[in-house]
């Protein structure tokens, strides 16, 4: 039976020739990921299992990134638990302050992600790694504990959706707009427990950074995973990151006759930058239809848009300009190496002269953790991935999602605005 990329990866890791939607399978995992919010509960469950070692001390990655540096005693205790667990079981890949980063930016950058891998992480945005042709998905802390002990996890094989993008991206329209537009069209449950496969001429031209942004937000449509075919850009990215991997050829593309529950085909030549209004990522509309929404904060970064490509876009907008005096502009590079590259390219100077603040790599305000919490009645434009009630602070605050260019332009204007209108 013809198979999609996702089905091929699942079948391989289950030791089967093929798999079908709805089938229950047990798979060997290549990588297990946890952060400072989800790993402590997983550690407690792991200890209950009664095993003396983890399944593979090289295949577990622990990244404290949500409250880094620790914002209070509780967050410090959680990282301490992770640190001691890593030492006790000889887990090599523990990344704390100094070498850490936002997990979903750090792992691809360091070459940990390879095409054809099966990855689970106790974080919903683990789906990010589908940008590199891996099947990656979020799980709960209990599943993480079981996988650390056994190296296995069970799945129900998801149904498959295909998204085809034609045309040419207009100026100031980014990958973030493609995924916001997609979620706006199908809804936050439009891909519930389904594999979202992104294809088409626009995707072929999209950078790996852009693909990472799109895969990151597959979960915001309810997707089990988001995935892209492996092409020369993927191979170059992996080579540059140090993976040194030439993937198995039958994992590169879906079979031409593979079956999909639905196929969406869009010409995006005329779409504008998208802004998702509170309180759902699906509440997206063109920036020209936003009206005059005054904002108190602009957040640029996160696991969605915290890569060097994003920092360059922000700097292009902010260079020679000043952040509006009535708001805060917070910039969150995804890793230490990105921050270092910002310094080398002079981006840091641009941001500071503009009146923005540049944070250490952290999830920070994205989840209402720290480094930019909203007060009652405040509004933030943000390049993050969620805008639920209370997501960034007070339950009566509001978060508007956008691409980097819109967030930077809005920081200057003091209200949501398109860069072309500055």
Foldseek 3Di string as FASTA:
>chain_A
DFFFLLQCLQCVQQVHPTDDFQDKGKGFAQAEEEELVFQVVLVVLLVVVPDQEFPDLARYAYAHFAQPVPPDDVSVVSVVVVVVVCVRRVRDHYAHPPFGFFVLVNCLLQLVAAASGEYEYQDQLQLLSLLLNYQYGYDHSNQSSVCRHPSMDMDRAAFEEEEEEDAEADPPAALLQVLLVVCLVQHQQSAAAYEYEYDYPHSVPHASLSSSLNQSQCCSNNYRHYHYAHDPNSVVSSVVSPNPDDDDVVSRGGDPPHDHPYYHYDYCNPAAWWKQWPAGSNNIDHLVPPPWAFAAEFEADASNGQALVLLVLLLVLQAPAAFDPRHAYEYAHGTPVSVVVCVVVVSVVSQVVNPYYYDYRHNAQQQLNHDQADDAPGEYEYCHRGWHQQRRHHSNYTYMYTGSQQSSNCRRVSTRDHSVVD
